[in-house]
């Protein structure tokens, strides 16, 4: 911009100053983006809503126990069902404590991190397409949330399969047999299943929401 044209844009009180200092000030001052603020209440609410999904885990745990017993043995589904009187209610709910704790922490972290990541991306990169925002936030939240749940999943499945009688025995037995790595057995396979599922799901959700908004 020519300096004469630039001077025309200034308030009248600044025209009395030295033009060279005004031009230098305009040429060297760099606009600074405002600090990104993440509303803690929104992130906390999302985490609590996600943690409440642990309630469904407690209700459906007997079904998960039957599935695990079928997968861990050579018995068929009808044969496992025929053994329900022997398994009993206590047997069906074996492993429910680590399962509920794992779901509570995993879903709470996943939804909380997702909301925080989404808000951060929206503020830092406002021009980023919504599908990329949703996918990146979903990747971060699913990776961390699932990694936290793995030890609880290991304990739950070993209890469901009848390898141990209670949580204390499962913890001591797993540590004695495999050490710390035993609690994270199957982490790679679980992440390979969970991450693409949630990332693709959230991407499709973002696109579906956009299409629905246009149609409506």
N, C-alpha and C. Protein backbone atom coordinates (compact mmCIF):
# COMPACT_ATOMS: atom_id res chain seq x y z
N UNK A 1 0.85 -1.20 0.00
CA UNK A 1 0.00 0.00 0.00
C UNK A 1 0.88 1.24 0.00
N UNK A 2 0.54 2.24 -0.82
CA UNK A 2 1.25 3.50 -0.86
C UNK A 2 1.04 4.24 0.45
N UNK A 3 2.11 4.94 0.95
CA UNK A 3 2.02 5.59 2.26
C UNK A 3 0.97 6.70 2.27
N UNK A 4 0.78 7.40 1.13
CA UNK A 4 -0.23 8.46 1.09
C UNK A 4 -1.63 7.89 1.25
N UNK A 5 -1.87 6.76 0.60
CA UNK A 5 -3.17 6.11 0.77
C UNK A 5 -3.36 5.59 2.18
N UNK A 6 -2.25 5.11 2.76
CA UNK A 6 -2.30 4.61 4.12
C UNK A 6 -2.64 5.72 5.11
N UNK A 7 -2.07 6.90 4.89
CA UNK A 7 -2.31 8.02 5.79
C UNK A 7 -3.76 8.46 5.77
N UNK A 8 -4.43 8.29 4.62
CA UNK A 8 -5.83 8.69 4.52
C UNK A 8 -6.73 7.83 5.41
N UNK A 9 -6.26 6.65 5.73
CA UNK A 9 -7.06 5.73 6.55
C UNK A 9 -6.92 5.99 8.05
N UNK A 10 -5.96 6.84 8.43
CA UNK A 10 -5.70 7.08 9.85
C UNK A 10 -6.67 8.10 10.43
N UNK A 11 -6.94 8.02 11.76
CA UNK A 11 -7.74 9.06 12.42
C UNK A 11 -7.02 10.40 12.34
N UNK A 12 -7.78 11.49 12.42
CA UNK A 12 -7.21 12.83 12.24
C UNK A 12 -6.18 13.16 13.32
N UNK A 13 -6.37 12.65 14.56
CA UNK A 13 -5.44 13.00 15.63
C UNK A 13 -4.06 12.39 15.41
N UNK A 14 -3.96 11.32 14.60
CA UNK A 14 -2.67 10.68 14.36
C UNK A 14 -1.92 11.30 13.19
N UNK A 15 -2.59 12.17 12.45
CA UNK A 15 -1.93 12.79 11.30
C UNK A 15 -0.87 13.80 11.73
N UNK A 16 -0.90 14.22 13.02
CA UNK A 16 0.07 15.19 13.51
C UNK A 16 1.41 14.53 13.84
N UNK A 17 1.44 13.20 13.88
CA UNK A 17 2.67 12.49 14.24
C UNK A 17 3.58 12.33 13.02
N UNK A 18 4.81 11.92 13.31
CA UNK A 18 5.79 11.69 12.23
C UNK A 18 5.32 10.51 11.38
N UNK A 19 5.11 10.69 10.07
CA UNK A 19 4.62 9.60 9.19
C UNK A 19 5.53 8.38 9.20
N UNK A 20 6.85 8.62 9.41
CA UNK A 20 7.79 7.49 9.37
C UNK A 20 7.56 6.54 10.55
N UNK A 21 7.28 7.10 11.72
CA UNK A 21 7.04 6.25 12.89
C UNK A 21 5.72 5.48 12.76
N UNK A 22 4.71 6.16 12.17
CA UNK A 22 3.41 5.49 11.97
C UNK A 22 3.56 4.33 10.99
N UNK A 23 4.30 4.58 9.89
CA UNK A 23 4.49 3.53 8.88
C UNK A 23 5.27 2.35 9.45
N UNK A 24 6.30 2.66 10.27
CA UNK A 24 7.10 1.59 10.88
C UNK A 24 6.25 0.76 11.83
N UNK A 25 5.41 1.43 12.61
CA UNK A 25 4.53 0.74 13.55
C UNK A 25 3.56 -0.19 12.82
N UNK A 26 2.98 0.31 11.72
CA UNK A 26 2.01 -0.49 10.96
C UNK A 26 2.68 -1.68 10.28
N UNK A 27 3.94 -1.50 9.87
CA UNK A 27 4.64 -2.55 9.13
C UNK A 27 5.20 -3.64 10.03
N UNK A 28 5.42 -3.34 11.31
CA UNK A 28 6.07 -4.30 12.21
C UNK A 28 5.13 -4.98 13.19
N UNK A 29 3.97 -4.42 13.43
CA UNK A 29 3.04 -5.02 14.38
C UNK A 29 2.37 -6.23 13.74
N UNK A 30 2.44 -7.37 14.42
CA UNK A 30 1.85 -8.61 13.92
C UNK A 30 0.64 -8.96 14.78
N UNK A 31 -0.45 -9.26 14.11
CA UNK A 31 -1.66 -9.64 14.85
C UNK A 31 -1.46 -10.97 15.55
N UNK A 32 -1.85 -11.02 16.79
CA UNK A 32 -1.72 -12.25 17.59
C UNK A 32 -3.11 -12.82 17.83
N UNK A 33 -3.24 -14.10 17.54
CA UNK A 33 -4.54 -14.75 17.72
C UNK A 33 -4.88 -14.82 19.20
N UNK A 34 -6.15 -14.66 19.54
CA UNK A 34 -6.54 -14.74 20.95
C UNK A 34 -6.29 -16.12 21.51
N UNK A 35 -6.01 -16.24 22.81
CA UNK A 35 -5.75 -17.56 23.40
C UNK A 35 -6.97 -18.46 23.30
N UNK A 36 -6.68 -19.76 23.08
CA UNK A 36 -7.76 -20.73 22.96
C UNK A 36 -8.28 -21.10 24.34
N UNK A 37 -9.56 -20.97 24.52
CA UNK A 37 -10.18 -21.33 25.79
C UNK A 37 -11.07 -22.54 25.61
N UNK A 38 -10.83 -23.56 26.43
CA UNK A 38 -11.65 -24.77 26.39
C UNK A 38 -12.63 -24.74 27.55
N UNK A 39 -13.92 -24.63 27.28
CA UNK A 39 -14.89 -24.61 28.37
C UNK A 39 -14.86 -25.91 29.16
N UNK A 40 -14.40 -25.81 30.40
CA UNK A 40 -14.24 -27.00 31.23
C UNK A 40 -15.57 -27.70 31.48
N UNK A 41 -16.64 -26.92 31.59
CA UNK A 41 -17.95 -27.51 31.87
C UNK A 41 -18.40 -28.41 30.73
N UNK A 42 -18.15 -27.99 29.49
CA UNK A 42 -18.54 -28.80 28.34
C UNK A 42 -17.76 -30.11 28.29
N UNK A 43 -16.45 -30.04 28.54
CA UNK A 43 -15.62 -31.24 28.54
C UNK A 43 -16.02 -32.18 29.67
N UNK A 44 -16.29 -31.61 30.85
CA UNK A 44 -16.68 -32.44 32.00
C UNK A 44 -18.03 -33.12 31.76
N UNK A 45 -18.98 -32.38 31.19
CA UNK A 45 -20.29 -32.97 30.91
C UNK A 45 -20.16 -34.13 29.92
N UNK A 46 -19.34 -33.94 28.89
CA UNK A 46 -19.14 -35.00 27.91
C UNK A 46 -18.52 -36.23 28.55
N UNK A 47 -17.56 -36.01 29.46
CA UNK A 47 -16.92 -37.13 30.14
C UNK A 47 -17.91 -37.89 31.01
N UNK A 48 -18.77 -37.16 31.72
CA UNK A 48 -19.75 -37.80 32.60
C UNK A 48 -20.79 -38.58 31.81
N UNK A 49 -21.22 -38.00 30.68
CA UNK A 49 -22.19 -38.71 29.83
C UNK A 49 -21.59 -40.00 29.30
N UNK A 50 -20.32 -39.94 28.87
CA UNK A 50 -19.65 -41.13 28.39
C UNK A 50 -19.47 -42.17 29.47
N UNK A 51 -19.16 -41.71 30.69
CA UNK A 51 -18.97 -42.64 31.80
C UNK A 51 -20.25 -43.36 32.16
N UNK A 52 -21.38 -42.72 31.94
CA UNK A 52 -22.68 -43.35 32.24
C UNK A 52 -22.96 -44.56 31.36
N UNK A 53 -22.20 -44.70 30.26
CA UNK A 53 -22.37 -45.88 29.41
C UNK A 53 -21.98 -47.16 30.14
N UNK A 54 -21.25 -47.01 31.26
CA UNK A 54 -20.89 -48.18 32.06
C UNK A 54 -22.13 -48.87 32.61
N UNK A 55 -23.26 -48.15 32.71
CA UNK A 55 -24.50 -48.77 33.19
C UNK A 55 -24.96 -49.87 32.25
N UNK A 56 -24.84 -49.64 30.94
CA UNK A 56 -25.22 -50.67 29.98
C UNK A 56 -24.33 -51.89 30.11
N UNK A 57 -23.05 -51.65 30.45
CA UNK A 57 -22.12 -52.76 30.64
C UNK A 57 -22.56 -53.65 31.79
N UNK A 58 -23.03 -53.04 32.88
CA UNK A 58 -23.47 -53.82 34.04
C UNK A 58 -24.72 -54.62 33.73
N UNK A 59 -25.60 -54.08 32.91
CA UNK A 59 -26.84 -54.77 32.57
C UNK A 59 -26.60 -55.93 31.59
N UNK A 60 -25.68 -55.74 30.67
CA UNK A 60 -25.44 -56.75 29.64
C UNK A 60 -24.25 -57.65 29.93
N UNK A 61 -23.68 -57.55 31.12
CA UNK A 61 -22.50 -58.35 31.45
C UNK A 61 -22.76 -59.86 31.34
N UNK A 62 -23.91 -60.38 31.78
CA UNK A 62 -24.15 -61.83 31.62
C UNK A 62 -24.06 -62.29 30.16
N UNK A 63 -24.55 -61.48 29.24
CA UNK A 63 -24.46 -61.83 27.81
C UNK A 63 -23.00 -61.86 27.38
N UNK A 64 -22.21 -60.90 27.86
CA UNK A 64 -20.79 -60.86 27.52
C UNK A 64 -20.07 -62.06 28.11
N UNK A 65 -20.47 -62.50 29.30
CA UNK A 65 -19.87 -63.68 29.92
C UNK A 65 -20.12 -64.93 29.08
N UNK A 66 -21.34 -65.08 28.62
CA UNK A 66 -21.67 -66.24 27.77
C UNK A 66 -20.85 -66.21 26.48
N UNK A 67 -20.73 -65.02 25.88
CA UNK A 67 -19.93 -64.89 24.65
C UNK A 67 -18.48 -65.28 24.89
N UNK A 68 -17.90 -64.80 26.01
CA UNK A 68 -16.51 -65.11 26.32
C UNK A 68 -16.31 -66.59 26.57
N UNK A 69 -17.26 -67.23 27.26
CA UNK A 69 -17.13 -68.68 27.52
C UNK A 69 -17.21 -69.48 26.23
N UNK A 70 -18.05 -69.05 25.31
CA UNK A 70 -18.13 -69.75 24.02
C UNK A 70 -16.82 -69.60 23.25
N UNK A 71 -16.25 -68.38 23.27
CA UNK A 71 -15.01 -68.13 22.55
C UNK A 71 -13.82 -68.83 23.19
N UNK A 72 -13.85 -68.99 24.51
CA UNK A 72 -12.69 -69.54 25.23
C UNK A 72 -12.75 -71.06 25.39
N UNK A 73 -13.80 -71.71 24.90
CA UNK A 73 -13.93 -73.16 25.06
C UNK A 73 -14.34 -73.79 23.73
N UNK A 74 -14.41 -75.11 23.75
CA UNK A 74 -14.86 -75.84 22.55
C UNK A 74 -16.36 -76.09 22.57
N UNK A 75 -17.04 -75.61 23.61
CA UNK A 75 -18.48 -75.81 23.73
C UNK A 75 -19.23 -74.86 22.80
N UNK A 76 -20.36 -75.32 22.31
CA UNK A 76 -21.20 -74.49 21.45
C UNK A 76 -22.09 -73.60 22.30
N UNK A 77 -22.74 -72.65 21.65
CA UNK A 77 -23.65 -71.74 22.37
C UNK A 77 -24.78 -72.50 23.08
N UNK A 78 -25.46 -73.45 22.42
CA UNK A 78 -26.51 -74.20 23.15
C UNK A 78 -25.97 -74.97 24.35
N UNK A 79 -24.75 -75.51 24.23
CA UNK A 79 -24.16 -76.25 25.34
C UNK A 79 -23.86 -75.33 26.53
N UNK A 80 -23.40 -74.12 26.22
CA UNK A 80 -23.15 -73.15 27.30
C UNK A 80 -24.47 -72.76 27.97
N UNK A 81 -25.50 -72.55 27.16
CA UNK A 81 -26.81 -72.19 27.71
C UNK A 81 -27.33 -73.30 28.62
N UNK A 82 -27.09 -74.54 28.25
CA UNK A 82 -27.57 -75.67 29.07
C UNK A 82 -26.84 -75.73 30.41
N UNK A 83 -25.66 -75.12 30.49
CA UNK A 83 -24.88 -75.13 31.73
C UNK A 83 -25.17 -73.92 32.62
N UNK A 84 -26.12 -73.06 32.23
CA UNK A 84 -26.40 -71.85 33.01
C UNK A 84 -26.78 -72.16 34.46
N UNK A 85 -27.57 -73.22 34.73
CA UNK A 85 -27.86 -73.52 36.15
C UNK A 85 -26.60 -73.79 36.96
N UNK A 86 -25.60 -74.42 36.33
CA UNK A 86 -24.35 -74.68 37.04
C UNK A 86 -23.52 -73.40 37.21
N UNK A 87 -23.55 -72.57 36.18
CA UNK A 87 -22.78 -71.32 36.24
C UNK A 87 -23.36 -70.39 37.31
N UNK A 88 -24.69 -70.28 37.33
CA UNK A 88 -25.36 -69.45 38.33
C UNK A 88 -25.25 -67.96 38.06
N UNK A 89 -25.98 -67.19 38.84
CA UNK A 89 -25.97 -65.72 38.68
C UNK A 89 -24.60 -65.15 39.00
N UNK A 90 -23.98 -65.70 40.04
CA UNK A 90 -22.65 -65.20 40.42
C UNK A 90 -21.64 -65.45 39.31
N UNK A 91 -21.74 -66.61 38.68
CA UNK A 91 -20.83 -66.92 37.58
C UNK A 91 -21.04 -66.02 36.38
N UNK A 92 -22.30 -65.68 36.11
CA UNK A 92 -22.60 -64.79 34.99
C UNK A 92 -22.06 -63.39 35.21
N UNK A 93 -21.97 -62.97 36.47
CA UNK A 93 -21.47 -61.63 36.77
C UNK A 93 -20.01 -61.63 37.19
N UNK A 94 -19.34 -62.77 36.99
CA UNK A 94 -17.91 -62.83 37.30
C UNK A 94 -17.15 -61.90 36.34
N UNK A 95 -16.28 -61.07 36.91
CA UNK A 95 -15.53 -60.11 36.10
C UNK A 95 -16.25 -58.79 35.88
N UNK A 96 -17.41 -58.63 36.51
CA UNK A 96 -18.18 -57.40 36.28
C UNK A 96 -17.50 -56.17 36.87
N UNK A 97 -16.76 -56.33 37.98
CA UNK A 97 -16.12 -55.16 38.61
C UNK A 97 -15.08 -54.54 37.69
N UNK A 98 -14.08 -55.31 37.20
CA UNK A 98 -13.13 -54.67 36.27
C UNK A 98 -13.79 -54.23 34.97
N UNK A 99 -14.84 -54.94 34.54
CA UNK A 99 -15.53 -54.55 33.30
C UNK A 99 -16.18 -53.19 33.45
N UNK A 100 -16.90 -52.98 34.55
CA UNK A 100 -17.59 -51.71 34.77
C UNK A 100 -16.59 -50.58 34.98
N UNK A 101 -15.53 -50.84 35.77
CA UNK A 101 -14.51 -49.82 35.99
C UNK A 101 -13.82 -49.45 34.67
N UNK A 102 -13.54 -50.47 33.86
CA UNK A 102 -12.88 -50.22 32.58
C UNK A 102 -13.76 -49.41 31.65
N UNK A 103 -15.05 -49.76 31.57
CA UNK A 103 -15.96 -49.02 30.70
C UNK A 103 -16.16 -47.59 31.21
N UNK A 104 -16.27 -47.45 32.53
CA UNK A 104 -16.48 -46.12 33.13
C UNK A 104 -15.31 -45.19 32.79
N UNK A 105 -14.08 -45.67 33.02
CA UNK A 105 -12.91 -44.83 32.77
C UNK A 105 -12.68 -44.64 31.27
N UNK A 106 -12.88 -45.72 30.50
CA UNK A 106 -12.61 -45.64 29.06
C UNK A 106 -13.56 -44.69 28.35
N UNK A 107 -14.87 -44.88 28.56
CA UNK A 107 -15.84 -44.02 27.88
C UNK A 107 -15.79 -42.59 28.41
N UNK A 108 -15.53 -42.44 29.71
CA UNK A 108 -15.41 -41.09 30.26
C UNK A 108 -14.24 -40.34 29.64
N UNK A 109 -13.09 -41.03 29.56
CA UNK A 109 -11.92 -40.41 28.94
C UNK A 109 -12.15 -40.16 27.46
N UNK A 110 -12.75 -41.13 26.77
CA UNK A 110 -12.92 -41.02 25.33
C UNK A 110 -13.80 -39.83 24.97
N UNK A 111 -14.95 -39.69 25.64
CA UNK A 111 -15.85 -38.58 25.30
C UNK A 111 -15.29 -37.24 25.77
N UNK A 112 -14.61 -37.25 26.92
CA UNK A 112 -14.01 -36.01 27.41
C UNK A 112 -12.89 -35.53 26.51
N UNK A 113 -11.99 -36.46 26.13
CA UNK A 113 -10.87 -36.09 25.25
C UNK A 113 -11.39 -35.70 23.87
N UNK A 114 -12.43 -36.39 23.41
CA UNK A 114 -13.01 -36.05 22.10
C UNK A 114 -13.52 -34.61 22.09
N UNK A 115 -14.26 -34.24 23.12
CA UNK A 115 -14.82 -32.88 23.17
C UNK A 115 -13.71 -31.85 23.28
N UNK A 116 -12.68 -32.12 24.12
CA UNK A 116 -11.57 -31.18 24.27
C UNK A 116 -10.79 -31.05 22.96
N UNK A 117 -10.53 -32.18 22.30
CA UNK A 117 -9.79 -32.15 21.02
C UNK A 117 -10.59 -31.42 19.95
N UNK A 118 -11.89 -31.65 19.93
CA UNK A 118 -12.74 -31.00 18.92
C UNK A 118 -12.74 -29.48 19.09
N UNK A 119 -12.91 -29.04 20.33
CA UNK A 119 -12.93 -27.60 20.60
C UNK A 119 -11.57 -26.96 20.30
N UNK A 120 -10.50 -27.68 20.61
CA UNK A 120 -9.16 -27.16 20.34
C UNK A 120 -8.93 -27.01 18.84
N UNK A 121 -9.32 -28.02 18.08
CA UNK A 121 -9.15 -27.96 16.62
C UNK A 121 -10.00 -26.86 16.00
N UNK A 122 -11.21 -26.69 16.49
CA UNK A 122 -12.10 -25.65 15.95
C UNK A 122 -11.51 -24.27 16.18
N UNK A 123 -10.85 -24.07 17.33
CA UNK A 123 -10.26 -22.76 17.64
C UNK A 123 -8.93 -22.56 16.94
N UNK A 124 -8.10 -23.60 16.88
CA UNK A 124 -6.76 -23.46 16.30
C UNK A 124 -6.82 -23.48 14.77
N UNK A 125 -7.66 -24.35 14.21
CA UNK A 125 -7.77 -24.47 12.76
C UNK A 125 -9.23 -24.33 12.34
N UNK A 126 -9.78 -23.11 12.36
CA UNK A 126 -11.21 -22.93 12.07
C UNK A 126 -11.60 -23.30 10.64
N UNK A 127 -10.63 -23.33 9.73
CA UNK A 127 -10.94 -23.66 8.33
C UNK A 127 -10.88 -25.16 8.04
N UNK A 128 -10.53 -25.93 9.05
CA UNK A 128 -10.45 -27.38 8.86
C UNK A 128 -11.85 -27.95 8.65
N UNK A 129 -12.04 -28.80 7.63
CA UNK A 129 -13.37 -29.39 7.39
C UNK A 129 -13.87 -30.16 8.60
N UNK A 130 -15.17 -30.17 8.80
CA UNK A 130 -15.76 -30.79 9.97
C UNK A 130 -15.44 -32.28 10.05
N UNK A 131 -15.40 -32.95 8.90
CA UNK A 131 -15.12 -34.39 8.91
C UNK A 131 -13.70 -34.68 9.42
N UNK A 132 -12.75 -33.78 9.10
CA UNK A 132 -11.38 -33.96 9.60
C UNK A 132 -11.30 -33.65 11.08
N UNK A 133 -12.03 -32.65 11.53
CA UNK A 133 -12.06 -32.33 12.97
C UNK A 133 -12.59 -33.52 13.76
N UNK A 134 -13.72 -34.08 13.30
CA UNK A 134 -14.33 -35.21 13.98
C UNK A 134 -13.40 -36.43 13.97
N UNK A 135 -12.75 -36.68 12.85
CA UNK A 135 -11.90 -37.87 12.71
C UNK A 135 -10.65 -37.75 13.58
N UNK A 136 -10.00 -36.59 13.58
CA UNK A 136 -8.78 -36.40 14.38
C UNK A 136 -9.10 -36.48 15.86
N UNK A 137 -10.19 -35.81 16.27
CA UNK A 137 -10.59 -35.86 17.68
C UNK A 137 -10.96 -37.27 18.09
N UNK A 138 -11.62 -38.00 17.21
CA UNK A 138 -12.01 -39.37 17.51
C UNK A 138 -10.79 -40.28 17.62
N UNK A 139 -9.79 -40.07 16.76
CA UNK A 139 -8.56 -40.88 16.82
C UNK A 139 -7.86 -40.70 18.17
N UNK A 140 -7.67 -39.44 18.58
CA UNK A 140 -6.98 -39.16 19.85
C UNK A 140 -7.74 -39.75 21.04
N UNK A 141 -9.05 -39.54 21.06
CA UNK A 141 -9.85 -39.98 22.21
C UNK A 141 -9.96 -41.50 22.26
N UNK A 142 -10.12 -42.15 21.10
CA UNK A 142 -10.26 -43.60 21.07
C UNK A 142 -8.96 -44.28 21.44
N UNK A 143 -7.85 -43.77 20.94
CA UNK A 143 -6.53 -44.36 21.24
C UNK A 143 -6.26 -44.34 22.74
N UNK A 144 -6.44 -43.18 23.37
CA UNK A 144 -6.14 -43.06 24.80
C UNK A 144 -7.18 -43.80 25.65
N UNK A 145 -8.46 -43.66 25.30
CA UNK A 145 -9.50 -44.32 26.08
C UNK A 145 -9.41 -45.83 26.04
N UNK A 146 -9.11 -46.37 24.87
CA UNK A 146 -9.00 -47.82 24.73
C UNK A 146 -7.78 -48.36 25.45
N UNK A 147 -6.66 -47.64 25.37
CA UNK A 147 -5.44 -48.08 26.05
C UNK A 147 -5.65 -48.19 27.56
N UNK A 148 -6.45 -47.30 28.12
CA UNK A 148 -6.72 -47.35 29.56
C UNK A 148 -7.59 -48.55 29.91
N UNK A 149 -8.48 -48.96 28.99
CA UNK A 149 -9.42 -50.04 29.27
C UNK A 149 -8.81 -51.44 29.17
N UNK A 150 -7.69 -51.58 28.46
CA UNK A 150 -7.12 -52.90 28.17
C UNK A 150 -6.87 -53.74 29.44
N UNK A 151 -6.20 -53.20 30.47
CA UNK A 151 -5.97 -54.03 31.66
C UNK A 151 -7.26 -54.55 32.29
N UNK A 152 -8.29 -53.72 32.30
CA UNK A 152 -9.57 -54.15 32.86
C UNK A 152 -10.19 -55.24 31.99
N UNK A 153 -10.03 -55.13 30.68
CA UNK A 153 -10.55 -56.15 29.77
C UNK A 153 -9.85 -57.48 29.99
N UNK A 154 -8.53 -57.44 30.20
CA UNK A 154 -7.76 -58.67 30.44
C UNK A 154 -8.25 -59.37 31.71
N UNK A 155 -8.41 -58.61 32.79
CA UNK A 155 -8.88 -59.18 34.06
C UNK A 155 -10.30 -59.72 33.90
N UNK A 156 -11.16 -58.97 33.22
CA UNK A 156 -12.55 -59.39 33.04
C UNK A 156 -12.64 -60.71 32.31
N UNK A 157 -11.92 -60.83 31.21
CA UNK A 157 -12.01 -62.04 30.40
C UNK A 157 -11.42 -63.25 31.10
N UNK A 158 -10.37 -63.05 31.89
CA UNK A 158 -9.79 -64.18 32.62
C UNK A 158 -10.72 -64.64 33.73
N UNK A 159 -11.43 -63.72 34.32
CA UNK A 159 -12.42 -64.09 35.33
C UNK A 159 -13.62 -64.78 34.68
N UNK A 160 -14.07 -64.27 33.55
CA UNK A 160 -15.21 -64.87 32.87
C UNK A 160 -14.90 -66.29 32.39
N UNK A 161 -13.66 -66.51 31.98
CA UNK A 161 -13.26 -67.82 31.49
C UNK A 161 -13.03 -68.82 32.62
N UNK A 162 -13.12 -68.35 33.86
CA UNK A 162 -12.97 -69.24 35.00
C UNK A 162 -11.53 -69.53 35.39
N UNK A 163 -10.59 -68.70 34.90
CA UNK A 163 -9.18 -68.92 35.24
C UNK A 163 -8.87 -68.50 36.67
N UNK A 164 -9.64 -67.54 37.19
CA UNK A 164 -9.46 -67.08 38.57
C UNK A 164 -10.83 -66.92 39.21
N UNK A 165 -10.83 -66.89 40.56
CA UNK A 165 -12.11 -66.82 41.28
C UNK A 165 -12.53 -65.40 41.64
N UNK A 166 -11.57 -64.49 41.78
CA UNK A 166 -11.92 -63.12 42.13
C UNK A 166 -10.89 -62.15 41.54
N UNK A 167 -11.17 -60.86 41.69
CA UNK A 167 -10.32 -59.83 41.08
C UNK A 167 -8.91 -59.87 41.66
N UNK A 168 -8.80 -60.04 42.99
CA UNK A 168 -7.49 -60.08 43.63
C UNK A 168 -6.62 -61.20 43.08
N UNK A 169 -7.20 -62.40 42.96
CA UNK A 169 -6.46 -63.53 42.40
C UNK A 169 -6.07 -63.26 40.94
N UNK A 170 -6.96 -62.62 40.20
CA UNK A 170 -6.68 -62.33 38.79
C UNK A 170 -5.51 -61.37 38.65
N UNK A 171 -5.46 -60.35 39.50
CA UNK A 171 -4.37 -59.37 39.45
C UNK A 171 -3.04 -60.03 39.80
N UNK A 172 -3.02 -60.78 40.93
CA UNK A 172 -1.79 -61.44 41.37
C UNK A 172 -1.35 -62.50 40.37
N UNK A 173 -2.32 -63.30 39.90
CA UNK A 173 -1.99 -64.37 38.96
C UNK A 173 -1.46 -63.84 37.64
N UNK A 174 -2.06 -62.77 37.11
CA UNK A 174 -1.60 -62.19 35.85
C UNK A 174 -0.21 -61.61 36.00
N UNK A 175 0.03 -60.93 37.13
CA UNK A 175 1.36 -60.34 37.38
C UNK A 175 2.41 -61.44 37.53
N UNK A 176 2.06 -62.53 38.23
CA UNK A 176 3.01 -63.62 38.44
C UNK A 176 3.34 -64.34 37.14
N UNK A 177 2.33 -64.55 36.32
CA UNK A 177 2.54 -65.30 35.08
C UNK A 177 3.22 -64.47 33.99
N UNK A 178 2.78 -63.24 33.80
CA UNK A 178 3.24 -62.45 32.65
C UNK A 178 3.88 -61.12 32.99
N UNK A 179 3.82 -60.71 34.26
CA UNK A 179 4.35 -59.40 34.60
C UNK A 179 3.45 -58.27 34.11
N UNK A 180 3.99 -57.08 34.00
CA UNK A 180 3.20 -55.91 33.60
C UNK A 180 2.63 -56.07 32.20
N UNK A 181 3.39 -56.66 31.30
CA UNK A 181 2.92 -56.80 29.91
C UNK A 181 1.68 -57.69 29.82
N UNK A 182 1.48 -58.55 30.81
CA UNK A 182 0.30 -59.41 30.79
C UNK A 182 -1.00 -58.63 30.86
N UNK A 183 -0.98 -57.48 31.53
CA UNK A 183 -2.19 -56.65 31.64
C UNK A 183 -2.51 -55.93 30.34
N UNK A 184 -1.55 -55.88 29.43
CA UNK A 184 -1.78 -55.19 28.15
C UNK A 184 -1.75 -56.17 26.98
N UNK A 185 -2.00 -57.44 27.27
CA UNK A 185 -2.05 -58.45 26.22
C UNK A 185 -3.23 -58.15 25.27
N UNK A 186 -2.96 -58.16 23.99
CA UNK A 186 -4.01 -57.90 23.01
C UNK A 186 -4.24 -56.42 22.71
N UNK A 187 -3.35 -55.55 23.20
CA UNK A 187 -3.53 -54.11 22.99
C UNK A 187 -3.54 -53.75 21.51
N UNK A 188 -2.58 -54.30 20.76
CA UNK A 188 -2.49 -53.97 19.33
C UNK A 188 -3.74 -54.36 18.57
N UNK A 189 -4.23 -55.59 18.83
CA UNK A 189 -5.42 -56.06 18.12
C UNK A 189 -6.65 -55.23 18.49
N UNK A 190 -6.74 -54.87 19.77
CA UNK A 190 -7.90 -54.09 20.22
C UNK A 190 -7.89 -52.70 19.60
N UNK A 191 -6.73 -52.05 19.59
CA UNK A 191 -6.63 -50.72 18.97
C UNK A 191 -6.89 -50.79 17.47
N UNK A 192 -6.41 -51.87 16.83
CA UNK A 192 -6.64 -52.04 15.40
C UNK A 192 -8.12 -52.18 15.10
N UNK A 193 -8.89 -52.70 16.05
CA UNK A 193 -10.34 -52.83 15.87
C UNK A 193 -11.07 -51.55 16.23
N UNK A 194 -10.71 -50.95 17.37
CA UNK A 194 -11.47 -49.83 17.91
C UNK A 194 -11.24 -48.52 17.16
N UNK A 195 -9.96 -48.21 16.87
CA UNK A 195 -9.65 -46.91 16.29
C UNK A 195 -10.31 -46.71 14.92
N UNK A 196 -10.14 -47.64 13.96
CA UNK A 196 -10.83 -47.43 12.67
C UNK A 196 -12.35 -47.37 12.81
N UNK A 197 -12.89 -48.17 13.73
CA UNK A 197 -14.34 -48.21 13.91
C UNK A 197 -14.87 -46.85 14.34
N UNK A 198 -14.26 -46.26 15.37
CA UNK A 198 -14.76 -44.98 15.88
C UNK A 198 -14.40 -43.82 14.97
N UNK A 199 -13.20 -43.85 14.36
CA UNK A 199 -12.80 -42.76 13.46
C UNK A 199 -13.73 -42.73 12.25
N UNK A 200 -13.96 -43.90 11.64
CA UNK A 200 -14.87 -43.96 10.49
C UNK A 200 -16.29 -43.60 10.90
N UNK A 201 -16.69 -44.07 12.08
CA UNK A 201 -18.04 -43.78 12.56
C UNK A 201 -18.28 -42.30 12.77
N UNK A 202 -17.31 -41.61 13.38
CA UNK A 202 -17.48 -40.19 13.62
C UNK A 202 -17.40 -39.38 12.33
N UNK A 203 -16.57 -39.85 11.38
CA UNK A 203 -16.52 -39.18 10.09
C UNK A 203 -17.84 -39.29 9.35
N UNK A 204 -18.44 -40.49 9.37
CA UNK A 204 -19.74 -40.68 8.73
C UNK A 204 -20.83 -39.89 9.46
N UNK A 205 -20.69 -39.80 10.78
CA UNK A 205 -21.66 -39.03 11.56
C UNK A 205 -21.61 -37.56 11.16
N UNK A 206 -20.40 -37.02 11.00
CA UNK A 206 -20.25 -35.61 10.62
C UNK A 206 -20.84 -35.34 9.25
N UNK A 207 -20.59 -36.27 8.30
CA UNK A 207 -21.13 -36.09 6.95
C UNK A 207 -22.65 -36.26 6.94
N UNK A 208 -23.16 -37.22 7.71
CA UNK A 208 -24.61 -37.45 7.75
C UNK A 208 -25.32 -36.24 8.35
N UNK A 209 -24.74 -35.66 9.38
CA UNK A 209 -25.31 -34.48 10.02
C UNK A 209 -25.37 -33.31 9.03
N UNK A 210 -24.31 -33.20 8.21
CA UNK A 210 -24.27 -32.12 7.23
C UNK A 210 -25.36 -32.32 6.16
N UNK A 211 -25.50 -33.59 5.70
CA UNK A 211 -26.52 -33.90 4.69
C UNK A 211 -27.91 -33.67 5.23
N UNK A 212 -28.14 -34.09 6.48
CA UNK A 212 -29.46 -33.91 7.10
C UNK A 212 -29.81 -32.45 7.27
N UNK A 213 -28.82 -31.64 7.63
CA UNK A 213 -29.07 -30.20 7.80
C UNK A 213 -29.46 -29.54 6.47
N UNK A 214 -28.87 -30.03 5.37
CA UNK A 214 -29.20 -29.49 4.05
C UNK A 214 -30.62 -29.92 3.64
N UNK A 215 -30.94 -31.19 3.90
CA UNK A 215 -32.25 -31.72 3.52
C UNK A 215 -33.38 -31.07 4.31
N UNK A 216 -33.12 -30.86 5.60
CA UNK A 216 -34.15 -30.28 6.45
C UNK A 216 -34.28 -28.79 6.21
